[in-house]
mmCIF file of all heavy atoms, coordinates in Angstrom:
data_MODEL
# 
_entry.id   MODEL 
# 
loop_
_atom_site.group_PDB 
_atom_site.id 
_atom_site.type_symbol 
_atom_site.label_atom_id 
_atom_site.label_alt_id 
_atom_site.label_comp_id 
_atom_site.label_asym_id 
_atom_site.label_entity_id 
_atom_site.label_seq_id 
_atom_site.pdbx_PDB_ins_code 
_atom_site.Cartn_x 
_atom_site.Cartn_y 
_atom_site.Cartn_z 
_atom_site.occupancy 
_atom_site.B_iso_or_equiv 
_atom_site.pdbx_formal_charge 
_atom_site.auth_seq_id 
_atom_site.auth_comp_id 
_atom_site.auth_asym_id 
_atom_site.auth_atom_id 
_atom_site.pdbx_PDB_model_num 
ATOM 1   N N   . ARG A 1 1  ? 10.796 62.333 13.831 1.00 0.00 ? 1  ARG A N   1 
ATOM 2   C CA  . ARG A 1 1  ? 12.298 62.509 13.752 1.00 0.00 ? 1  ARG A CA  1 
ATOM 3   C C   . ARG A 1 1  ? 12.913 61.142 14.369 1.00 0.00 ? 1  ARG A C   1 
ATOM 4   O O   . ARG A 1 1  ? 13.974 61.263 14.962 1.00 0.00 ? 1  ARG A O   1 
ATOM 5   C CB  . ARG A 1 1  ? 12.763 63.686 14.478 1.00 0.00 ? 1  ARG A CB  1 
ATOM 6   C CG  . ARG A 1 1  ? 12.012 64.937 13.917 1.00 0.00 ? 1  ARG A CG  1 
ATOM 7   C CD  . ARG A 1 1  ? 12.746 66.257 14.547 1.00 0.00 ? 1  ARG A CD  1 
ATOM 8   N NE  . ARG A 1 1  ? 11.692 67.375 14.322 1.00 0.00 ? 1  ARG A NE  1 
ATOM 9   C CZ  . ARG A 1 1  ? 11.940 68.664 14.816 1.00 0.00 ? 1  ARG A CZ  1 
ATOM 10  N NH1 . ARG A 1 1  ? 12.968 68.854 15.399 1.00 0.00 ? 1  ARG A NH1 1 
ATOM 11  N NH2 . ARG A 1 1  ? 10.982 69.565 14.496 1.00 0.00 ? 1  ARG A NH2 1 
ATOM 12  N N   . GLY A 1 2  ? 12.246 60.103 13.955 1.00 0.00 ? 2  GLY A N   1 
ATOM 13  C CA  . GLY A 1 2  ? 12.657 58.785 14.548 1.00 0.00 ? 2  GLY A CA  1 
ATOM 14  C C   . GLY A 1 2  ? 11.990 58.495 15.832 1.00 0.00 ? 2  GLY A C   1 
ATOM 15  O O   . GLY A 1 2  ? 10.907 57.889 15.916 1.00 0.00 ? 2  GLY A O   1 
ATOM 16  N N   . ALA A 1 3  ? 12.556 58.960 16.932 1.00 0.00 ? 3  ALA A N   1 
ATOM 17  C CA  . ALA A 1 3  ? 11.959 58.949 18.346 1.00 0.00 ? 3  ALA A CA  1 
ATOM 18  C C   . ALA A 1 3  ? 12.553 60.033 19.125 1.00 0.00 ? 3  ALA A C   1 
ATOM 19  O O   . ALA A 1 3  ? 13.308 59.929 20.055 1.00 0.00 ? 3  ALA A O   1 
ATOM 20  C CB  . ALA A 1 3  ? 12.173 57.542 18.945 1.00 0.00 ? 3  ALA A CB  1 
ATOM 21  N N   . ARG A 1 4  ? 12.117 61.203 18.668 1.00 0.00 ? 4  ARG A N   1 
ATOM 22  C CA  . ARG A 1 4  ? 12.732 62.369 19.189 1.00 0.00 ? 4  ARG A CA  1 
ATOM 23  C C   . ARG A 1 4  ? 12.820 62.563 20.677 1.00 0.00 ? 4  ARG A C   1 
ATOM 24  O O   . ARG A 1 4  ? 13.711 63.129 21.280 1.00 0.00 ? 4  ARG A O   1 
ATOM 25  C CB  . ARG A 1 4  ? 12.118 63.654 18.586 1.00 0.00 ? 4  ARG A CB  1 
ATOM 26  C CG  . ARG A 1 4  ? 12.762 65.028 18.881 1.00 0.00 ? 4  ARG A CG  1 
ATOM 27  C CD  . ARG A 1 4  ? 11.832 66.079 18.403 1.00 0.00 ? 4  ARG A CD  1 
ATOM 28  N NE  . ARG A 1 4  ? 12.515 67.437 18.465 1.00 0.00 ? 4  ARG A NE  1 
ATOM 29  C CZ  . ARG A 1 4  ? 11.817 68.556 18.355 1.00 0.00 ? 4  ARG A CZ  1 
ATOM 30  N NH1 . ARG A 1 4  ? 10.482 68.532 18.169 1.00 0.00 ? 4  ARG A NH1 1 
ATOM 31  N NH2 . ARG A 1 4  ? 12.378 69.763 18.378 1.00 0.00 ? 4  ARG A NH2 1 
ATOM 32  N N   . GLY A 1 5  ? 11.748 62.166 21.316 1.00 0.00 ? 5  GLY A N   1 
ATOM 33  C CA  . GLY A 1 5  ? 11.665 62.215 22.775 1.00 0.00 ? 5  GLY A CA  1 
ATOM 34  C C   . GLY A 1 5  ? 12.538 61.354 23.509 1.00 0.00 ? 5  GLY A C   1 
ATOM 35  O O   . GLY A 1 5  ? 12.800 61.470 24.659 1.00 0.00 ? 5  GLY A O   1 
ATOM 36  N N   . LEU A 1 6  ? 13.037 60.319 22.808 1.00 0.00 ? 6  LEU A N   1 
ATOM 37  C CA  . LEU A 1 6  ? 13.869 59.302 23.477 1.00 0.00 ? 6  LEU A CA  1 
ATOM 38  C C   . LEU A 1 6  ? 15.278 59.181 23.056 1.00 0.00 ? 6  LEU A C   1 
ATOM 39  O O   . LEU A 1 6  ? 16.053 58.574 23.703 1.00 0.00 ? 6  LEU A O   1 
ATOM 40  C CB  . LEU A 1 6  ? 13.108 57.892 23.101 1.00 0.00 ? 6  LEU A CB  1 
ATOM 41  C CG  . LEU A 1 6  ? 11.615 57.784 23.379 1.00 0.00 ? 6  LEU A CG  1 
ATOM 42  C CD1 . LEU A 1 6  ? 11.065 56.457 22.912 1.00 0.00 ? 6  LEU A CD1 1 
ATOM 43  C CD2 . LEU A 1 6  ? 11.343 57.986 24.940 1.00 0.00 ? 6  LEU A CD2 1 
ATOM 44  N N   . TYR A 1 7  ? 15.584 59.645 21.869 1.00 0.00 ? 7  TYR A N   1 
ATOM 45  C CA  . TYR A 1 7  ? 16.887 59.583 21.325 1.00 0.00 ? 7  TYR A CA  1 
ATOM 46  C C   . TYR A 1 7  ? 17.213 60.754 20.455 1.00 0.00 ? 7  TYR A C   1 
ATOM 47  O O   . TYR A 1 7  ? 16.175 61.421 19.916 1.00 0.00 ? 7  TYR A O   1 
ATOM 48  C CB  . TYR A 1 7  ? 16.915 58.301 20.435 1.00 0.00 ? 7  TYR A CB  1 
ATOM 49  C CG  . TYR A 1 7  ? 18.288 57.551 20.450 1.00 0.00 ? 7  TYR A CG  1 
ATOM 50  C CD1 . TYR A 1 7  ? 18.583 56.484 21.240 1.00 0.00 ? 7  TYR A CD1 1 
ATOM 51  C CD2 . TYR A 1 7  ? 19.208 57.911 19.530 1.00 0.00 ? 7  TYR A CD2 1 
ATOM 52  C CE1 . TYR A 1 7  ? 19.780 55.886 21.270 1.00 0.00 ? 7  TYR A CE1 1 
ATOM 53  C CE2 . TYR A 1 7  ? 20.464 57.245 19.417 1.00 0.00 ? 7  TYR A CE2 1 
ATOM 54  C CZ  . TYR A 1 7  ? 20.772 56.207 20.386 1.00 0.00 ? 7  TYR A CZ  1 
ATOM 55  O OH  . TYR A 1 7  ? 21.941 55.616 20.286 1.00 0.00 ? 7  TYR A OH  1 
ATOM 56  N N   . PRO A 1 8  ? 18.426 61.075 20.233 1.00 0.00 ? 8  PRO A N   1 
ATOM 57  C CA  . PRO A 1 8  ? 18.791 62.334 19.422 1.00 0.00 ? 8  PRO A CA  1 
ATOM 58  C C   . PRO A 1 8  ? 18.026 62.303 18.113 1.00 0.00 ? 8  PRO A C   1 
ATOM 59  O O   . PRO A 1 8  ? 18.174 61.289 17.273 1.00 0.00 ? 8  PRO A O   1 
ATOM 60  C CB  . PRO A 1 8  ? 20.333 62.253 19.254 1.00 0.00 ? 8  PRO A CB  1 
ATOM 61  C CG  . PRO A 1 8  ? 20.797 61.586 20.496 1.00 0.00 ? 8  PRO A CG  1 
ATOM 62  C CD  . PRO A 1 8  ? 19.644 60.548 20.769 1.00 0.00 ? 8  PRO A CD  1 
ATOM 63  N N   . GLU A 1 9  ? 17.396 63.453 17.746 1.00 0.00 ? 9  GLU A N   1 
ATOM 64  C CA  . GLU A 1 9  ? 16.480 63.484 16.632 1.00 0.00 ? 9  GLU A CA  1 
ATOM 65  C C   . GLU A 1 9  ? 17.109 63.277 15.298 1.00 0.00 ? 9  GLU A C   1 
ATOM 66  O O   . GLU A 1 9  ? 18.234 63.580 15.052 1.00 0.00 ? 9  GLU A O   1 
ATOM 67  C CB  . GLU A 1 9  ? 15.772 64.809 16.642 1.00 0.00 ? 9  GLU A CB  1 
ATOM 68  C CG  . GLU A 1 9  ? 16.545 66.034 16.471 1.00 0.00 ? 9  GLU A CG  1 
ATOM 69  C CD  . GLU A 1 9  ? 15.816 67.328 16.401 1.00 0.00 ? 9  GLU A CD  1 
ATOM 70  O OE1 . GLU A 1 9  ? 15.070 67.534 17.336 1.00 0.00 ? 9  GLU A OE1 1 
ATOM 71  O OE2 . GLU A 1 9  ? 15.872 67.993 15.417 1.00 0.00 ? 9  GLU A OE2 1 
ATOM 72  N N   . ASN A 1 10 ? 16.370 62.596 14.445 1.00 0.00 ? 10 ASN A N   1 
ATOM 73  C CA  . ASN A 1 10 ? 16.830 62.462 12.981 1.00 0.00 ? 10 ASN A CA  1 
ATOM 74  C C   . ASN A 1 10 ? 18.105 61.690 12.837 1.00 0.00 ? 10 ASN A C   1 
ATOM 75  O O   . ASN A 1 10 ? 18.828 61.870 11.775 1.00 0.00 ? 10 ASN A O   1 
ATOM 76  C CB  . ASN A 1 10 ? 16.911 63.851 12.279 1.00 0.00 ? 10 ASN A CB  1 
ATOM 77  C CG  . ASN A 1 10 ? 15.617 64.400 11.846 1.00 0.00 ? 10 ASN A CG  1 
ATOM 78  O OD1 . ASN A 1 10 ? 14.769 63.523 11.238 1.00 0.00 ? 10 ASN A OD1 1 
ATOM 79  N ND2 . ASN A 1 10 ? 15.238 65.612 12.101 1.00 0.00 ? 10 ASN A ND2 1 
ATOM 80  N N   . SER A 1 11 ? 18.441 60.895 13.814 1.00 0.00 ? 11 SER A N   1 
ATOM 81  C CA  . SER A 1 11 ? 19.665 60.172 13.875 1.00 0.00 ? 11 SER A CA  1 
ATOM 82  C C   . SER A 1 11 ? 19.347 58.644 13.509 1.00 0.00 ? 11 SER A C   1 
ATOM 83  O O   . SER A 1 11 ? 18.291 58.191 13.607 1.00 0.00 ? 11 SER A O   1 
ATOM 84  C CB  . SER A 1 11 ? 20.339 60.106 15.133 1.00 0.00 ? 11 SER A CB  1 
ATOM 85  O OG  . SER A 1 11 ? 19.566 59.564 16.163 1.00 0.00 ? 11 SER A OG  1 
ATOM 86  N N   . ILE A 1 12 ? 20.353 58.037 13.087 1.00 0.00 ? 12 ILE A N   1 
ATOM 87  C CA  . ILE A 1 12 ? 20.261 56.515 12.845 1.00 0.00 ? 12 ILE A CA  1 
ATOM 88  C C   . ILE A 1 12 ? 19.783 55.840 14.133 1.00 0.00 ? 12 ILE A C   1 
ATOM 89  O O   . ILE A 1 12 ? 18.838 54.967 14.010 1.00 0.00 ? 12 ILE A O   1 
ATOM 90  C CB  . ILE A 1 12 ? 21.576 55.916 12.299 1.00 0.00 ? 12 ILE A CB  1 
ATOM 91  C CG1 . ILE A 1 12 ? 21.819 56.519 10.903 1.00 0.00 ? 12 ILE A CG1 1 
ATOM 92  C CG2 . ILE A 1 12 ? 21.474 54.430 12.216 1.00 0.00 ? 12 ILE A CG2 1 
ATOM 93  C CD1 . ILE A 1 12 ? 23.215 56.215 10.355 1.00 0.00 ? 12 ILE A CD1 1 
ATOM 94  N N   . GLY A 1 13 ? 20.354 56.205 15.165 1.00 0.00 ? 13 GLY A N   1 
ATOM 95  C CA  . GLY A 1 13 ? 19.911 55.661 16.452 1.00 0.00 ? 13 GLY A CA  1 
ATOM 96  C C   . GLY A 1 13 ? 18.492 55.877 16.844 1.00 0.00 ? 13 GLY A C   1 
ATOM 97  O O   . GLY A 1 13 ? 17.792 54.973 17.380 1.00 0.00 ? 13 GLY A O   1 
ATOM 98  N N   . ALA A 1 14 ? 17.932 57.062 16.519 1.00 0.00 ? 14 ALA A N   1 
ATOM 99  C CA  . ALA A 1 14 ? 16.520 57.327 16.717 1.00 0.00 ? 14 ALA A CA  1 
ATOM 100 C C   . ALA A 1 14 ? 15.676 56.483 15.920 1.00 0.00 ? 14 ALA A C   1 
ATOM 101 O O   . ALA A 1 14 ? 14.589 55.999 16.398 1.00 0.00 ? 14 ALA A O   1 
ATOM 102 C CB  . ALA A 1 14 ? 16.226 58.844 16.428 1.00 0.00 ? 14 ALA A CB  1 
ATOM 103 N N   . MET A 1 15 ? 16.073 56.212 14.676 1.00 0.00 ? 15 MET A N   1 
ATOM 104 C CA  . MET A 1 15 ? 15.271 55.323 13.795 1.00 0.00 ? 15 MET A CA  1 
ATOM 105 C C   . MET A 1 15 ? 15.277 53.877 14.281 1.00 0.00 ? 15 MET A C   1 
ATOM 106 O O   . MET A 1 15 ? 14.282 53.187 14.328 1.00 0.00 ? 15 MET A O   1 
ATOM 107 C CB  . MET A 1 15 ? 15.831 55.386 12.370 1.00 0.00 ? 15 MET A CB  1 
ATOM 108 C CG  . MET A 1 15 ? 15.883 56.845 11.766 1.00 0.00 ? 15 MET A CG  1 
ATOM 109 S SD  . MET A 1 15 ? 14.355 57.605 11.729 1.00 0.00 ? 15 MET A SD  1 
ATOM 110 C CE  . MET A 1 15 ? 14.887 59.361 11.647 1.00 0.00 ? 15 MET A CE  1 
ATOM 111 N N   . LYS A 1 16 ? 16.391 53.403 14.855 1.00 0.00 ? 16 LYS A N   1 
ATOM 112 C CA  . LYS A 1 16 ? 16.507 52.101 15.373 1.00 0.00 ? 16 LYS A CA  1 
ATOM 113 C C   . LYS A 1 16 ? 15.647 52.014 16.670 1.00 0.00 ? 16 LYS A C   1 
ATOM 114 O O   . LYS A 1 16 ? 14.954 50.982 16.934 1.00 0.00 ? 16 LYS A O   1 
ATOM 115 C CB  . LYS A 1 16 ? 17.941 51.789 15.635 1.00 0.00 ? 16 LYS A CB  1 
ATOM 116 C CG  . LYS A 1 16 ? 18.758 51.556 14.385 1.00 0.00 ? 16 LYS A CG  1 
ATOM 117 C CD  . LYS A 1 16 ? 20.228 51.112 14.766 1.00 0.00 ? 16 LYS A CD  1 
ATOM 118 C CE  . LYS A 1 16 ? 20.979 50.788 13.462 1.00 0.00 ? 16 LYS A CE  1 
ATOM 119 N NZ  . LYS A 1 16 ? 22.439 50.433 13.804 1.00 0.00 ? 16 LYS A NZ  1 
ATOM 120 N N   . ALA A 1 17 ? 15.604 53.128 17.472 1.00 0.00 ? 17 ALA A N   1 
ATOM 121 C CA  . ALA A 1 17 ? 14.842 53.071 18.650 1.00 0.00 ? 17 ALA A CA  1 
ATOM 122 C C   . ALA A 1 17 ? 13.376 52.898 18.298 1.00 0.00 ? 17 ALA A C   1 
ATOM 123 O O   . ALA A 1 17 ? 12.592 52.276 19.056 1.00 0.00 ? 17 ALA A O   1 
ATOM 124 C CB  . ALA A 1 17 ? 15.099 54.392 19.447 1.00 0.00 ? 17 ALA A CB  1 
ATOM 125 N N   . ALA A 1 18 ? 12.974 53.598 17.249 1.00 0.00 ? 18 ALA A N   1 
ATOM 126 C CA  . ALA A 1 18 ? 11.548 53.513 16.792 1.00 0.00 ? 18 ALA A CA  1 
ATOM 127 C C   . ALA A 1 18 ? 11.232 52.060 16.293 1.00 0.00 ? 18 ALA A C   1 
ATOM 128 O O   . ALA A 1 18 ? 10.139 51.605 16.566 1.00 0.00 ? 18 ALA A O   1 
ATOM 129 C CB  . ALA A 1 18 ? 11.253 54.512 15.690 1.00 0.00 ? 18 ALA A CB  1 
ATOM 130 N N   . ILE A 1 19 ? 12.158 51.494 15.643 1.00 0.00 ? 19 ILE A N   1 
ATOM 131 C CA  . ILE A 1 19 ? 11.934 50.133 15.161 1.00 0.00 ? 19 ILE A CA  1 
ATOM 132 C C   . ILE A 1 19 ? 11.808 49.166 16.193 1.00 0.00 ? 19 ILE A C   1 
ATOM 133 O O   . ILE A 1 19 ? 11.130 48.131 16.059 1.00 0.00 ? 19 ILE A O   1 
ATOM 134 C CB  . ILE A 1 19 ? 13.183 49.781 14.094 1.00 0.00 ? 19 ILE A CB  1 
ATOM 135 C CG1 . ILE A 1 19 ? 13.084 50.638 12.868 1.00 0.00 ? 19 ILE A CG1 1 
ATOM 136 C CG2 . ILE A 1 19 ? 13.111 48.264 13.728 1.00 0.00 ? 19 ILE A CG2 1 
ATOM 137 C CD1 . ILE A 1 19 ? 14.401 50.501 12.039 1.00 0.00 ? 19 ILE A CD1 1 
ATOM 138 N N   . ASP A 1 20 ? 12.518 49.444 17.318 1.00 0.00 ? 20 ASP A N   1 
ATOM 139 C CA  . ASP A 1 20 ? 12.334 48.582 18.458 1.00 0.00 ? 20 ASP A CA  1 
ATOM 140 C C   . ASP A 1 20 ? 10.972 48.502 19.116 1.00 0.00 ? 20 ASP A C   1 
ATOM 141 O O   . ASP A 1 20 ? 10.648 47.648 19.964 1.00 0.00 ? 20 ASP A O   1 
ATOM 142 C CB  . ASP A 1 20 ? 13.420 48.859 19.526 1.00 0.00 ? 20 ASP A CB  1 
ATOM 143 C CG  . ASP A 1 20 ? 14.768 48.476 19.156 1.00 0.00 ? 20 ASP A CG  1 
ATOM 144 O OD1 . ASP A 1 20 ? 14.987 47.576 18.249 1.00 0.00 ? 20 ASP A OD1 1 
ATOM 145 O OD2 . ASP A 1 20 ? 15.776 49.140 19.733 1.00 0.00 ? 20 ASP A OD2 1 
ATOM 146 N N   . LEU A 1 21 ? 10.224 49.509 18.767 1.00 0.00 ? 21 LEU A N   1 
ATOM 147 C CA  . LEU A 1 21 ? 8.805  49.634 19.279 1.00 0.00 ? 21 LEU A CA  1 
ATOM 148 C C   . LEU A 1 21 ? 7.814  48.953 18.381 1.00 0.00 ? 21 LEU A C   1 
ATOM 149 O O   . LEU A 1 21 ? 7.674  49.399 17.210 1.00 0.00 ? 21 LEU A O   1 
ATOM 150 C CB  . LEU A 1 21 ? 8.460  51.104 19.452 1.00 0.00 ? 21 LEU A CB  1 
ATOM 151 C CG  . LEU A 1 21 ? 9.321  51.867 20.493 1.00 0.00 ? 21 LEU A CG  1 
ATOM 152 C CD1 . LEU A 1 21 ? 9.068  53.358 20.367 1.00 0.00 ? 21 LEU A CD1 1 
ATOM 153 C CD2 . LEU A 1 21 ? 9.186  51.382 21.948 1.00 0.00 ? 21 LEU A CD2 1 
ATOM 154 N N   . PRO A 1 22 ? 7.196  47.923 18.777 1.00 0.00 ? 22 PRO A N   1 
ATOM 155 C CA  . PRO A 1 22 ? 6.529  47.071 17.613 1.00 0.00 ? 22 PRO A CA  1 
ATOM 156 C C   . PRO A 1 22 ? 5.278  47.656 16.981 1.00 0.00 ? 22 PRO A C   1 
ATOM 157 O O   . PRO A 1 22 ? 4.956  47.243 15.844 1.00 0.00 ? 22 PRO A O   1 
ATOM 158 C CB  . PRO A 1 22 ? 5.970  45.857 18.584 1.00 0.00 ? 22 PRO A CB  1 
ATOM 159 C CG  . PRO A 1 22 ? 6.020  46.359 19.981 1.00 0.00 ? 22 PRO A CG  1 
ATOM 160 C CD  . PRO A 1 22 ? 7.111  47.316 20.019 1.00 0.00 ? 22 PRO A CD  1 
ATOM 161 N N   . LYS A 1 23 ? 4.733  48.746 17.594 1.00 0.00 ? 23 LYS A N   1 
ATOM 162 C CA  . LYS A 1 23 ? 3.525  49.287 16.862 1.00 0.00 ? 23 LYS A CA  1 
ATOM 163 C C   . LYS A 1 23 ? 3.959  50.329 15.780 1.00 0.00 ? 23 LYS A C   1 
ATOM 164 O O   . LYS A 1 23 ? 3.116  50.799 14.946 1.00 0.00 ? 23 LYS A O   1 
ATOM 165 C CB  . LYS A 1 23 ? 2.669  49.953 17.904 1.00 0.00 ? 23 LYS A CB  1 
ATOM 166 C CG  . LYS A 1 23 ? 1.793  49.019 18.740 1.00 0.00 ? 23 LYS A CG  1 
ATOM 167 C CD  . LYS A 1 23 ? 0.635  49.615 19.483 1.00 0.00 ? 23 LYS A CD  1 
ATOM 168 C CE  . LYS A 1 23 ? -0.481 49.868 18.531 1.00 0.00 ? 23 LYS A CE  1 
ATOM 169 N NZ  . LYS A 1 23 ? -1.694 50.341 19.279 1.00 0.00 ? 23 LYS A NZ  1 
ATOM 170 N N   . VAL A 1 24 ? 5.222  50.787 15.933 1.00 0.00 ? 24 VAL A N   1 
ATOM 171 C CA  . VAL A 1 24 ? 5.690  51.811 14.869 1.00 0.00 ? 24 VAL A CA  1 
ATOM 172 C C   . VAL A 1 24 ? 5.747  51.210 13.447 1.00 0.00 ? 24 VAL A C   1 
ATOM 173 O O   . VAL A 1 24 ? 6.364  50.097 13.285 1.00 0.00 ? 24 VAL A O   1 
ATOM 174 C CB  . VAL A 1 24 ? 7.052  52.404 15.292 1.00 0.00 ? 24 VAL A CB  1 
ATOM 175 C CG1 . VAL A 1 24 ? 7.557  53.225 14.205 1.00 0.00 ? 24 VAL A CG1 1 
ATOM 176 C CG2 . VAL A 1 24 ? 6.941  53.162 16.636 1.00 0.00 ? 24 VAL A CG2 1 
ATOM 177 N N   . THR A 1 25 ? 5.036  51.783 12.543 1.00 0.00 ? 25 THR A N   1 
ATOM 178 C CA  . THR A 1 25 ? 5.105  51.389 11.100 1.00 0.00 ? 25 THR A CA  1 
ATOM 179 C C   . THR A 1 25 ? 6.017  52.253 10.258 1.00 0.00 ? 25 THR A C   1 
ATOM 180 O O   . THR A 1 25 ? 6.534  51.702 9.259  1.00 0.00 ? 25 THR A O   1 
ATOM 181 C CB  . THR A 1 25 ? 3.747  51.320 10.544 1.00 0.00 ? 25 THR A CB  1 
ATOM 182 O OG1 . THR A 1 25 ? 3.177  52.717 10.532 1.00 0.00 ? 25 THR A OG1 1 
ATOM 183 C CG2 . THR A 1 25 ? 2.707  50.481 11.352 1.00 0.00 ? 25 THR A CG2 1 
ATOM 184 N N   . THR A 1 26 ? 6.113  53.470 10.615 1.00 0.00 ? 26 THR A N   1 
ATOM 185 C CA  . THR A 1 26 ? 6.666  54.498 9.785  1.00 0.00 ? 26 THR A CA  1 
ATOM 186 C C   . THR A 1 26 ? 7.666  55.312 10.467 1.00 0.00 ? 26 THR A C   1 
ATOM 187 O O   . THR A 1 26 ? 7.421  55.772 11.656 1.00 0.00 ? 26 THR A O   1 
ATOM 188 C CB  . THR A 1 26 ? 5.538  55.353 9.246  1.00 0.00 ? 26 THR A CB  1 
ATOM 189 O OG1 . THR A 1 26 ? 4.507  54.453 8.665  1.00 0.00 ? 26 THR A OG1 1 
ATOM 190 C CG2 . THR A 1 26 ? 5.965  56.264 8.168  1.00 0.00 ? 26 THR A CG2 1 
ATOM 191 N N   . LEU A 1 27 ? 8.772  55.705 9.804  1.00 0.00 ? 27 LEU A N   1 
ATOM 192 C CA  . LEU A 1 27 ? 9.883  56.457 10.368 1.00 0.00 ? 27 LEU A CA  1 
ATOM 193 C C   . LEU A 1 27 ? 9.699  57.956 9.675  1.00 0.00 ? 27 LEU A C   1 
ATOM 194 O O   . LEU A 1 27 ? 9.901  58.015 8.434  1.00 0.00 ? 27 LEU A O   1 
ATOM 195 C CB  . LEU A 1 27 ? 11.229 55.942 10.082 1.00 0.00 ? 27 LEU A CB  1 
ATOM 196 C CG  . LEU A 1 27 ? 11.391 54.515 10.621 1.00 0.00 ? 27 LEU A CG  1 
ATOM 197 C CD1 . LEU A 1 27 ? 12.779 53.958 10.163 1.00 0.00 ? 27 LEU A CD1 1 
ATOM 198 C CD2 . LEU A 1 27 ? 11.319 54.482 12.123 1.00 0.00 ? 27 LEU A CD2 1 
# 
């Protein structure tokens, strides 16, 4: 859900938070 534990789930912000983590390949 992007980065549910760190940012509101399934949000644009959660996806950006995941992109900021270099090992993440997939949203």
